[in-house]
């Protein structure tokens, strides 16, 4: 149960926008902010797919 949030935190920490002032400005894997936002939205919608389908049906 705790593995999923830890894995997400590690991934979120590894993929960061370079020179982000809200973080140290350093990153393991430089990733554009728009790409991070898009990835977060895709993951969110994949995890809530049943809800999305329900909304589309009603």
C-alpha atoms as a PDB file:
ATOM      1  CA  UNK A   1       0.000   0.000   0.000  1.00  0.00           C
ATOM      2  CA  UNK A   2       2.832   2.400   0.757  1.00  0.00           C
ATOM      3  CA  UNK A   3       4.870   1.373  -2.310  1.00  0.00           C
ATOM      4  CA  UNK A   4       2.734   3.290  -4.825  1.00  0.00           C
ATOM      5  CA  UNK A   5       3.033   6.725  -3.167  1.00  0.00           C
ATOM      6  CA  UNK A   6       6.750   6.192  -2.612  1.00  0.00           C
ATOM      7  CA  UNK A   7       7.243   5.207  -6.261  1.00  0.00           C
ATOM      8  CA  UNK A   8       5.323   8.276  -7.429  1.00  0.00           C
ATOM      9  CA  UNK A   9       7.382  10.530  -5.151  1.00  0.00           C
ATOM     10  CA  UNK A  10      10.641   9.074  -6.494  1.00  0.00           C
ATOM     11  CA  UNK A  11       9.513   9.542 -10.098  1.00  0.00           C
ATOM     12  CA  UNK A  12       8.276  13.079  -9.415  1.00  0.00           C
ATOM     13  CA  UNK A  13      11.613  13.892  -7.817  1.00  0.00           C
ATOM     14  CA  UNK A  14      13.652  12.410 -10.665  1.00  0.00           C
ATOM     15  CA  UNK A  15      11.781  14.164 -13.471  1.00  0.00           C
ATOM     16  CA  UNK A  16      11.904  17.903 -12.899  1.00  0.00           C
ATOM     17  CA  UNK A  17      12.040  21.119 -14.866  1.00  0.00           C
ATOM     18  CA  UNK A  18      15.550  22.583 -14.893  1.00  0.00           C
ATOM     19  CA  UNK A  19      16.072  25.771 -12.865  1.00  0.00           C
ATOM     20  CA  UNK A  20      12.755  25.338 -11.031  1.00  0.00           C
ATOM     21  CA  UNK A  21      13.002  27.837  -8.179  1.00  0.00           C
ATOM     22  CA  UNK A  22      10.466  25.935  -6.057  1.00  0.00           C
ATOM     23  CA  UNK A  23      12.937  23.055  -5.968  1.00  0.00           C
ATOM     24  CA  UNK A  24      16.693  23.205  -5.658  1.00  0.00           C
ATOM     25  CA  UNK A  25      16.932  23.955  -9.386  1.00  0.00           C
ATOM     26  CA  UNK A  26      18.739  20.674  -9.883  1.00  0.00           C
ATOM     27  CA  UNK A  27      17.240  17.595 -11.498  1.00  0.00           C
ATOM     28  CA  UNK A  28      18.175  14.041 -12.356  1.00  0.00           C
ATOM     29  CA  UNK A  29      16.239  13.990 -15.633  1.00  0.00           C
ATOM     30  CA  UNK A  30      15.522  17.398 -17.192  1.00  0.00           C
ATOM     31  CA  UNK A  31      11.908  17.484 -18.322  1.00  0.00           C
ATOM     32  CA  UNK A  32       9.929  20.422 -19.745  1.00  0.00           C
ATOM     33  CA  UNK A  33       7.155  21.644 -17.461  1.00  0.00           C
ATOM     34  CA  UNK A  34       4.450  21.116 -20.068  1.00  0.00           C
ATOM     35  CA  UNK A  35       5.505  17.493 -20.461  1.00  0.00           C
ATOM     36  CA  UNK A  36       5.339  16.969 -16.684  1.00  0.00           C
ATOM     37  CA  UNK A  37       1.872  18.477 -16.567  1.00  0.00           C
ATOM     38  CA  UNK A  38       0.702  16.336 -19.478  1.00  0.00           C
ATOM     39  CA  UNK A  39       2.103  13.187 -17.880  1.00  0.00           C
ATOM     40  CA  UNK A  40       0.383  13.996 -14.590  1.00  0.00           C
ATOM     41  CA  UNK A  41      -2.946  14.498 -16.363  1.00  0.00           C
ATOM     42  CA  UNK A  42      -2.605  11.262 -18.339  1.00  0.00           C
ATOM     43  CA  UNK A  43      -1.811   9.270 -15.203  1.00  0.00           C
ATOM     44  CA  UNK A  44      -4.699  10.904 -13.349  1.00  0.00           C
ATOM     45  CA  UNK A  45      -7.178  10.037 -16.104  1.00  0.00           C
ATOM     46  CA  UNK A  46      -5.864   6.485 -16.422  1.00  0.00           C
ATOM     47  CA  UNK A  47      -6.327   5.942 -12.698  1.00  0.00           C
ATOM     48  CA  UNK A  48      -9.850   7.371 -12.789  1.00  0.00           C
ATOM     49  CA  UNK A  49     -10.918   5.779 -16.080  1.00  0.00           C
ATOM     50  CA  UNK A  50     -14.024   4.183 -14.554  1.00  0.00           C
ATOM     51  CA  UNK A  51     -15.205   7.589 -13.368  1.00  0.00           C
ATOM     52  CA  UNK A  52     -14.504   9.159 -16.775  1.00  0.00           C
ATOM     53  CA  UNK A  53     -16.578   6.439 -18.467  1.00  0.00           C
ATOM     54  CA  UNK A  54     -19.396   6.930 -15.979  1.00  0.00           C
ATOM     55  CA  UNK A  55     -19.417  10.677 -16.662  1.00  0.00           C
ATOM     56  CA  UNK A  56     -19.492  10.108 -20.421  1.00  0.00           C
ATOM     57  CA  UNK A  57     -22.427   7.724 -20.109  1.00  0.00           C
ATOM     58  CA  UNK A  58     -24.565  10.116 -18.055  1.00  0.00           C
END
